[in-house]
C-alpha atoms as a PDB file:
ATOM      1  CA  MET A   1      -9.543  83.980  30.937  1.00  0.00           C
ATOM      2  CA  LYS A   2      -2.352  83.999  36.328  1.00  0.00           C
ATOM      3  CA  VAL A   3      -2.700  80.540  33.166  1.00  0.00           C
ATOM      4  CA  ILE A   4      -5.364  79.931  34.079  1.00  0.00           C
ATOM      5  CA  VAL A   5      -2.540  79.127  35.470  1.00  0.00           C
ATOM      6  CA  ALA A   6      -1.757  82.330  34.165  1.00  0.00           C
ATOM      7  CA  VAL A   7      -4.378  83.659  36.405  1.00  0.00           C
ATOM      8  CA  ILE A   8      -2.572  82.483  39.486  1.00  0.00           C
ATOM      9  CA  VAL A   9      -1.328  85.547  41.316  1.00  0.00           C
ATOM     10  CA  CYS A  10       1.617  86.573  43.393  1.00  0.00           C
ATOM     11  CA  LEU A  11       1.679  87.218  47.099  1.00  0.00           C
ATOM     12  CA  SER A  12       3.355  90.207  48.716  1.00  0.00           C
ATOM     13  CA  SER A  13       6.671  88.353  48.853  1.00  0.00           C
ATOM     14  CA  PHE A  14       7.320  89.408  45.242  1.00  0.00           C
ATOM     15  CA  SER A  15       9.275  92.609  44.808  1.00  0.00           C
ATOM     16  CA  ARG A  16       7.266  95.586  43.681  1.00  0.00           C
ATOM     17  CA  ALA A  17       6.886  95.612  39.902  1.00  0.00           C
ATOM     18  CA  GLN A  18       8.120  98.704  38.114  1.00  0.00           C
ATOM     19  CA  THR A  19       7.719  98.011  34.398  1.00  0.00           C
ATOM     20  CA  ALA A  20       5.001  96.480  32.239  1.00  0.00           C
ATOM     21  CA  GLU A  21       7.097  93.349  31.725  1.00  0.00           C
ATOM     22  CA  ASP A  22       7.681  93.068  35.485  1.00  0.00           C
ATOM     23  CA  ILE A  23       3.934  93.257  36.090  1.00  0.00           C
ATOM     24  CA  MET A  24       3.067  90.662  33.441  1.00  0.00           C
ATOM     25  CA  SER A  25       5.893  88.442  34.600  1.00  0.00           C
ATOM     26  CA  SER A  26       4.628  88.539  38.173  1.00  0.00           C
ATOM     27  CA  VAL A  27       1.193  87.418  36.947  1.00  0.00           C
ATOM     28  CA  ARG A  28       2.719  84.517  34.994  1.00  0.00           C
ATOM     29  CA  GLN A  29       5.512  83.260  37.216  1.00  0.00           C
ATOM     30  CA  VAL A  30       3.673  81.638  40.082  1.00  0.00           C
ATOM     31  CA  ALA A  31       2.678  78.621  37.970  1.00  0.00           C
ATOM     32  CA  ALA A  32       6.327  77.740  37.606  1.00  0.00           C
ATOM     33  CA  LEU A  33       7.169  78.625  41.210  1.00  0.00           C
ATOM     34  CA  GLN A  34       4.545  76.621  43.060  1.00  0.00           C
ATOM     35  CA  GLY A  35       5.579  73.140  41.950  1.00  0.00           C
ATOM     36  CA  PRO A  36       3.412  70.200  40.830  1.00  0.00           C
ATOM     37  CA  GLN A  37      -0.279  70.623  41.482  1.00  0.00           C
ATOM     38  CA  ASP A  38      -3.548  69.538  39.888  1.00  0.00           C
ATOM     39  CA  LEU A  39      -6.724  71.621  39.692  1.00  0.00           C
ATOM     40  CA  ASN A  40     -10.100  70.062  38.864  1.00  0.00           C
ATOM     41  CA  GLY A  41     -13.159  71.922  37.686  1.00  0.00           C
ATOM     42  CA  VAL A  42     -15.636  72.473  34.890  1.00  0.00           C
ATOM     43  CA  ILE A  43     -16.350  74.709  31.925  1.00  0.00           C
ATOM     44  CA  ARG A  44     -20.018  75.622  32.360  1.00  0.00           C
ATOM     45  CA  LYS A  45     -22.511  77.185  29.992  1.00  0.00           C
ATOM     46  CA  GLY A  46     -26.051  77.097  31.263  1.00  0.00           C
ATOM     47  CA  ALA A  47     -26.714  73.684  32.757  1.00  0.00           C
ATOM     48  CA  LYS A  48     -24.071  71.902  30.668  1.00  0.00           C
ATOM     49  CA  LYS A  49     -20.734  71.183  32.348  1.00  0.00           C
ATOM     50  CA  THR A  50     -17.538  69.874  30.781  1.00  0.00           C
ATOM     51  CA  PRO A  51     -14.998  68.441  33.275  1.00  0.00           C
ATOM     52  CA  ILE A  52     -11.516  69.915  33.116  1.00  0.00           C
ATOM     53  CA  THR A  53      -8.240  69.185  34.903  1.00  0.00           C
ATOM     54  CA  LEU A  54      -5.267  71.525  34.922  1.00  0.00           C
ATOM     55  CA  PHE A  55      -1.843  70.007  35.614  1.00  0.00           C
ATOM     56  CA  LEU A  56       0.848  72.445  36.724  1.00  0.00           C
ATOM     57  CA  ARG A  57       4.213  70.951  35.923  1.00  0.00           C
ATOM     58  CA  GLY A  58       6.692  73.774  36.159  1.00  0.00           C
ATOM     59  CA  LYS A  59       6.879  75.385  32.747  1.00  0.00           C
ATOM     60  CA  ASP A  60       4.677  72.749  31.128  1.00  0.00           C
ATOM     61  CA  ILE A  61       0.981  73.464  31.729  1.00  0.00           C
ATOM     62  CA  GLN A  62      -1.265  70.557  30.729  1.00  0.00           C
ATOM     63  CA  PHE A  63      -5.038  70.485  30.267  1.00  0.00           C
ATOM     64  CA  ALA A  64      -7.375  67.481  30.177  1.00  0.00           C
ATOM     65  CA  LEU A  65     -11.017  67.647  29.088  1.00  0.00           C
ATOM     66  CA  ASN A  66     -13.755  65.103  29.803  1.00  0.00           C
ATOM     67  CA  GLY A  67     -11.647  62.937  32.088  1.00  0.00           C
ATOM     68  CA  GLY A  68      -8.657  62.887  29.765  1.00  0.00           C
ATOM     69  CA  ALA A  69     -10.500  62.147  26.525  1.00  0.00           C
ATOM     70  CA  GLU A  70      -8.778  65.220  25.112  1.00  0.00           C
ATOM     71  CA  ARG A  71      -5.428  66.612  26.229  1.00  0.00           C
ATOM     72  CA  PHE A  72      -3.298  69.576  25.255  1.00  0.00           C
ATOM     73  CA  HIS A  73      -0.577  71.664  26.849  1.00  0.00           C
ATOM     74  CA  LEU A  74       1.171  75.003  26.784  1.00  0.00           C
ATOM     75  CA  ARG A  75       4.903  74.458  26.355  1.00  0.00           C
ATOM     76  CA  PHE A  76       7.408  77.166  27.204  1.00  0.00           C
ATOM     77  CA  ASN A  77      10.722  77.556  25.443  1.00  0.00           C
ATOM     78  CA  GLU A  78      13.304  80.283  25.645  1.00  0.00           C
ATOM     79  CA  GLY A  79      11.562  83.477  24.559  1.00  0.00           C
ATOM     80  CA  ASN A  80       8.331  81.891  23.335  1.00  0.00           C
ATOM     81  CA  GLN A  81       5.474  79.522  24.067  1.00  0.00           C
ATOM     82  CA  GLN A  82       3.588  76.985  21.992  1.00  0.00           C
ATOM     83  CA  LEU A  83       0.193  75.332  22.307  1.00  0.00           C
ATOM     84  CA  ARG A  84       0.367  71.607  21.488  1.00  0.00           C
ATOM     85  CA  GLU A  85      -2.097  68.718  21.550  1.00  0.00           C
ATOM     86  CA  LEU A  86      -1.444  65.247  22.913  1.00  0.00           C
ATOM     87  CA  ILE A  87      -2.666  62.400  20.697  1.00  0.00           C
ATOM     88  CA  GLY A  88      -1.781  58.775  21.379  1.00  0.00           C
ATOM     89  CA  GLY A  89       0.910  59.869  23.806  1.00  0.00           C
ATOM     90  CA  GLU A  90       2.574  62.068  21.183  1.00  0.00           C
ATOM     91  CA  SER A  91       2.849  65.853  21.329  1.00  0.00           C
ATOM     92  CA  ARG A  92       1.937  67.629  18.099  1.00  0.00           C
ATOM     93  CA  PRO A  93       1.681  71.300  17.107  1.00  0.00           C
ATOM     94  CA  PHE A  94      -1.840  72.582  17.747  1.00  0.00           C
ATOM     95  CA  PRO A  95      -3.723  73.205  14.464  1.00  0.00           C
ATOM     96  CA  ASP A  96      -4.171  76.947  13.869  1.00  0.00           C
ATOM     97  CA  ALA A  97      -7.866  76.527  13.083  1.00  0.00           C
ATOM     98  CA  LYS A  98      -8.480  74.618  16.310  1.00  0.00           C
ATOM     99  CA  ILE A  99      -6.873  77.260  18.536  1.00  0.00           C
ATOM    100  CA  VAL A 100      -9.937  79.497  18.132  1.00  0.00           C
ATOM    101  CA  ALA A 101     -12.494  76.665  18.167  1.00  0.00           C
ATOM    102  CA  PRO A 102     -15.058  76.669  21.004  1.00  0.00           C
ATOM    103  CA  ILE A 103     -14.685  73.994  23.666  1.00  0.00           C
ATOM    104  CA  ALA A 104     -17.820  71.824  23.976  1.00  0.00           C
ATOM    105  CA  ASN A 105     -20.024  74.496  22.338  1.00  0.00           C
ATOM    106  CA  THR A 106     -19.178  77.074  25.013  1.00  0.00           C
ATOM    107  CA  ASP A 107     -17.845  80.621  24.629  1.00  0.00           C
ATOM    108  CA  ALA A 108     -14.359  79.532  25.721  1.00  0.00           C
ATOM    109  CA  SER A 109     -11.814  78.492  23.097  1.00  0.00           C
ATOM    110  CA  TYR A 110      -8.534  76.638  23.497  1.00  0.00           C
ATOM    111  CA  GLU A 111      -6.499  79.837  23.404  1.00  0.00           C
ATOM    112  CA  ASP A 112      -8.841  81.277  26.053  1.00  0.00           C
ATOM    113  CA  LEU A 113      -8.354  78.373  28.415  1.00  0.00           C
ATOM    114  CA  ALA A 114      -4.575  78.601  28.118  1.00  0.00           C
ATOM    115  CA  LEU A 115      -4.657  82.435  28.350  1.00  0.00           C
ATOM    116  CA  LYS A 116      -2.004  82.343  25.684  1.00  0.00           C
ATOM    117  CA  PHE A 117      -2.130  86.110  25.234  1.00  0.00           C
ATOM    118  CA  LEU A 118      -0.554  86.702  28.653  1.00  0.00           C
ATOM    119  CA  TYR A 119       2.703  85.457  27.152  1.00  0.00           C
ATOM    120  CA  TRP A 120       2.844  87.847  24.215  1.00  0.00           C
ATOM    121  CA  PRO A 121       5.975  90.040  24.283  1.00  0.00           C
ATOM    122  CA  LYS A 122       6.380  93.780  24.780  1.00  0.00           C
ATOM    123  CA  PRO A 123       3.459  94.703  27.039  1.00  0.00           C
ATOM    124  CA  ARG A 124       3.076  98.377  27.921  1.00  0.00           C
ATOM    125  CA  ILE A 125       1.306 100.284  30.671  1.00  0.00           C
ATOM    126  CA  VAL A 126      -1.425 102.504  29.215  1.00  0.00           C
ATOM    127  CA  GLY A 127      -3.089 103.725  32.393  1.00  0.00           C
ATOM    128  CA  GLN A 128      -4.134 103.206  35.988  1.00  0.00           C
ATOM    129  CA  GLU A 129      -7.746 102.590  36.985  1.00  0.00           C
ATOM    130  CA  LYS A 130      -9.861 101.509  39.934  1.00  0.00           C
ATOM    131  CA  LEU A 131     -11.676  98.258  39.129  1.00  0.00           C
ATOM    132  CA  GLU A 132     -13.928  96.394  41.540  1.00  0.00           C
ATOM    133  CA  GLY A 133     -12.715  98.779  44.240  1.00  0.00           C
ATOM    134  CA  GLN A 134      -9.049  97.938  43.628  1.00  0.00           C
ATOM    135  CA  ASP A 135      -6.270 100.091  42.194  1.00  0.00           C
ATOM    136  CA  CYS A 136      -5.100  98.485  38.957  1.00  0.00           C
ATOM    137  CA  TRP A 137      -2.617  98.905  36.174  1.00  0.00           C
ATOM    138  CA  ARG A 138      -4.056  98.672  32.698  1.00  0.00           C
ATOM    139  CA  LEU A 139      -1.651  97.064  30.260  1.00  0.00           C
ATOM    140  CA  HIS A 140      -1.837  96.606  26.518  1.00  0.00           C
ATOM    141  CA  VAL A 141      -0.169  93.937  24.384  1.00  0.00           C
ATOM    142  CA  VAL A 142      -0.268  93.176  20.639  1.00  0.00           C
ATOM    143  CA  ASN A 143      -0.422  89.696  19.116  1.00  0.00           C
ATOM    144  CA  PRO A 144       2.992  88.912  17.551  1.00  0.00           C
ATOM    145  CA  GLU A 145       1.570  85.928  15.643  1.00  0.00           C
ATOM    146  CA  LYS A 146      -0.999  85.370  12.905  1.00  0.00           C
ATOM    147  CA  THR A 147      -2.886  82.728  14.881  1.00  0.00           C
ATOM    148  CA  GLY A 148      -5.801  83.248  17.254  1.00  0.00           C
ATOM    149  CA  ARG A 149      -8.771  85.628  17.163  1.00  0.00           C
ATOM    150  CA  TYR A 150      -7.287  88.513  19.117  1.00  0.00           C
ATOM    151  CA  ARG A 151      -5.052  91.075  17.488  1.00  0.00           C
ATOM    152  CA  GLU A 152      -4.456  92.859  20.794  1.00  0.00           C
ATOM    153  CA  VAL A 153      -5.626  92.668  24.404  1.00  0.00           C
ATOM    154  CA  SER A 154      -6.032  94.963  27.403  1.00  0.00           C
ATOM    155  CA  VAL A 155      -5.122  93.499  30.793  1.00  0.00           C
ATOM    156  CA  TRP A 156      -6.030  94.834  34.252  1.00  0.00           C
ATOM    157  CA  VAL A 157      -3.754  93.774  37.134  1.00  0.00           C
ATOM    158  CA  THR A 158      -4.261  94.756  40.788  1.00  0.00           C
ATOM    159  CA  LYS A 159      -1.408  96.717  42.310  1.00  0.00           C
ATOM    160  CA  LYS A 160      -1.668  95.169  45.755  1.00  0.00           C
ATOM    161  CA  GLN A 161      -1.535  91.476  44.866  1.00  0.00           C
ATOM    162  CA  ARG A 162      -0.449  91.497  41.201  1.00  0.00           C
ATOM    163  CA  ALA A 163      -3.738  89.699  40.529  1.00  0.00           C
ATOM    164  CA  LEU A 164      -5.164  89.376  37.042  1.00  0.00           C
ATOM    165  CA  LEU A 165      -8.634  90.897  37.310  1.00  0.00           C
ATOM    166  CA  ARG A 166      -9.872  91.463  33.754  1.00  0.00           C
ATOM    167  CA  VAL A 167      -8.835  90.885  30.141  1.00  0.00           C
ATOM    168  CA  VAL A 168     -10.511  92.204  26.981  1.00  0.00           C
ATOM    169  CA  GLY A 169      -9.552  90.745  23.605  1.00  0.00           C
ATOM    170  CA  TYR A 170      -9.990  92.897  20.479  1.00  0.00           C
ATOM    171  CA  GLY A 171     -10.262  92.264  16.764  1.00  0.00           C
ATOM    172  CA  PRO A 172      -8.210  94.002  14.066  1.00  0.00           C
ATOM    173  CA  ARG A 173      -8.034  97.735  13.562  1.00  0.00           C
ATOM    174  CA  PRO A 174      -9.497 100.104  12.504  1.00  0.00           C
ATOM    175  CA  ASN A 175     -12.720  98.815  14.084  1.00  0.00           C
ATOM    176  CA  ARG A 176     -10.942  97.164  17.021  1.00  0.00           C
ATOM    177  CA  LEU A 177     -14.141  95.564  18.260  1.00  0.00           C
ATOM    178  CA  ALA A 178     -14.169  93.835  21.636  1.00  0.00           C
ATOM    179  CA  ILE A 179     -14.530  90.087  21.005  1.00  0.00           C
ATOM    180  CA  LYS A 180     -14.430  88.671  24.525  1.00  0.00           C
ATOM    181  CA  GLN A 181     -13.998  89.722  28.120  1.00  0.00           C
ATOM    182  CA  PHE A 182     -12.522  87.589  30.895  1.00  0.00           C
ATOM    183  CA  GLU A 183     -13.297  88.475  34.508  1.00  0.00           C
ATOM    184  CA  ILE A 184     -11.868  86.803  37.593  1.00  0.00           C
ATOM    185  CA  THR A 185     -14.940  86.820  39.824  1.00  0.00           C
ATOM    186  CA  LYS A 186     -13.648  84.627  42.636  1.00  0.00           C
ATOM    187  CA  LEU A 187     -10.207  83.646  43.960  1.00  0.00           C
ATOM    188  CA  MET A 188      -9.137  80.889  46.326  1.00  0.00           C
ATOM    189  CA  ARG A 189      -6.000  80.323  48.328  1.00  0.00           C
ATOM    190  CA  ALA A 190      -4.146  77.070  47.770  1.00  0.00           C
ATOM    191  CA  GLY A 191      -0.611  76.059  48.617  1.00  0.00           C
ATOM    192  CA  GLY A 192       0.355  79.522  49.822  1.00  0.00           C
ATOM    193  CA  VAL A 193      -0.776  81.394  46.708  1.00  0.00           C
ATOM    194  CA  PHE A 194      -4.023  82.729  45.319  1.00  0.00           C
ATOM    195  CA  THR A 195      -5.438  81.094  42.217  1.00  0.00           C
ATOM    196  CA  VAL A 196      -8.603  81.533  40.186  1.00  0.00           C
ATOM    197  CA  ARG A 197     -11.731  79.819  41.421  1.00  0.00           C
ATOM    198  CA  THR A 198     -14.214  81.307  38.951  1.00  0.00           C
ATOM    199  CA  MET A 199     -13.636  83.064  35.636  1.00  0.00           C
ATOM    200  CA  LYS A 200     -16.489  84.567  33.640  1.00  0.00           C
ATOM    201  CA  VAL A 201     -16.039  84.591  29.855  1.00  0.00           C
ATOM    202  CA  THR A 202     -18.336  86.966  27.955  1.00  0.00           C
ATOM    203  CA  ALA A 203     -18.516  86.939  24.146  1.00  0.00           C
ATOM    204  CA  PHE A 204     -19.682  90.058  22.269  1.00  0.00           C
ATOM    205  CA  ASP A 205     -21.404  90.559  18.927  1.00  0.00           C
ATOM    206  CA  GLU A 206     -20.535  93.254  16.354  1.00  0.00           C
ATOM    207  CA  ASN A 207     -22.709  95.750  18.261  1.00  0.00           C
ATOM    208  CA  ASN A 208     -20.734  95.221  21.476  1.00  0.00           C
ATOM    209  CA  ARG A 209     -23.618  93.350  23.088  1.00  0.00           C
ATOM    210  CA  ALA A 210     -23.058  90.207  25.123  1.00  0.00           C
ATOM    211  CA  ASN A 211     -24.223  87.195  23.127  1.00  0.00           C
ATOM    212  CA  GLY A 212     -22.804  84.394  25.258  1.00  0.00           C
ATOM    213  CA  ILE A 213     -21.550  83.766  28.795  1.00  0.00           C
ATOM    214  CA  THR A 214     -19.452  80.826  29.998  1.00  0.00           C
ATOM    215  CA  TYR A 215     -17.895  80.125  33.390  1.00  0.00           C
ATOM    216  CA  ILE A 216     -14.629  78.326  34.086  1.00  0.00           C
ATOM    217  CA  GLU A 217     -14.748  77.049  37.676  1.00  0.00           C
ATOM    218  CA  PHE A 218     -12.126  75.200  39.712  1.00  0.00           C
ATOM    219  CA  ASP A 219     -12.470  73.268  42.967  1.00  0.00           C
ATOM    220  CA  LYS A 220     -10.229  74.036  45.889  1.00  0.00           C
ATOM    221  CA  PRO A 221      -7.416  71.427  45.919  1.00  0.00           C
ATOM    222  CA  LYS A 222      -7.720  68.793  48.610  1.00  0.00           C
ATOM    223  CA  ARG A 223      -4.885  68.470  51.063  1.00  0.00           C
ATOM    224  CA  LYS A 224      -2.815  65.400  50.430  1.00  0.00           C
ATOM    225  CA  ALA A 225      -2.684  62.917  53.265  1.00  0.00           C
ATOM    226  CA  ARG A 226       0.720  62.582  54.896  1.00  0.00           C
END
């Protein structure tokens, strides 16, 4: 799990990142830079598919499930971000318990879909690795809040494109067990930038064995008629 939006990635026109915050910022920024756009897709587990639409509206990232039957959004304010739900046209704070709830009995939760952890402050570079044949930075960031399942996450970002490639979310120390892994398995180019086409979400049990796999898949946007 740039959003998913966060999974949208920068092209070479961005200046070369030098710090952990620069790298994370370059992964996040494109959503705000590319202007209004809608992405349609599904959350899929096995044969079951749940329709999803992602609305990119500058700093306000909106999500609609099942044709709009359920809506929520990630709102950005100065120095922080907040997940909110839309009920009857009104925006309300997202219930803490619901943030970690699975969407349509899949392995993806609401915080996963929003990739809320990419906006946590004070990331740091902890290493450099080759992943899927690409040179990557490995970053680490700690949850500043008491909400959500993950106490900290590791993030792999490609050096060449500033592309989010993998995220692993961990539980509390001292065990620090891996809870979920997010892998960007396919990208697509749309509107001059690369964005996620397929994300694989793997949930782990207490023995670090995969006990659930869900895919988040988006269709390539259709060109608007002039």
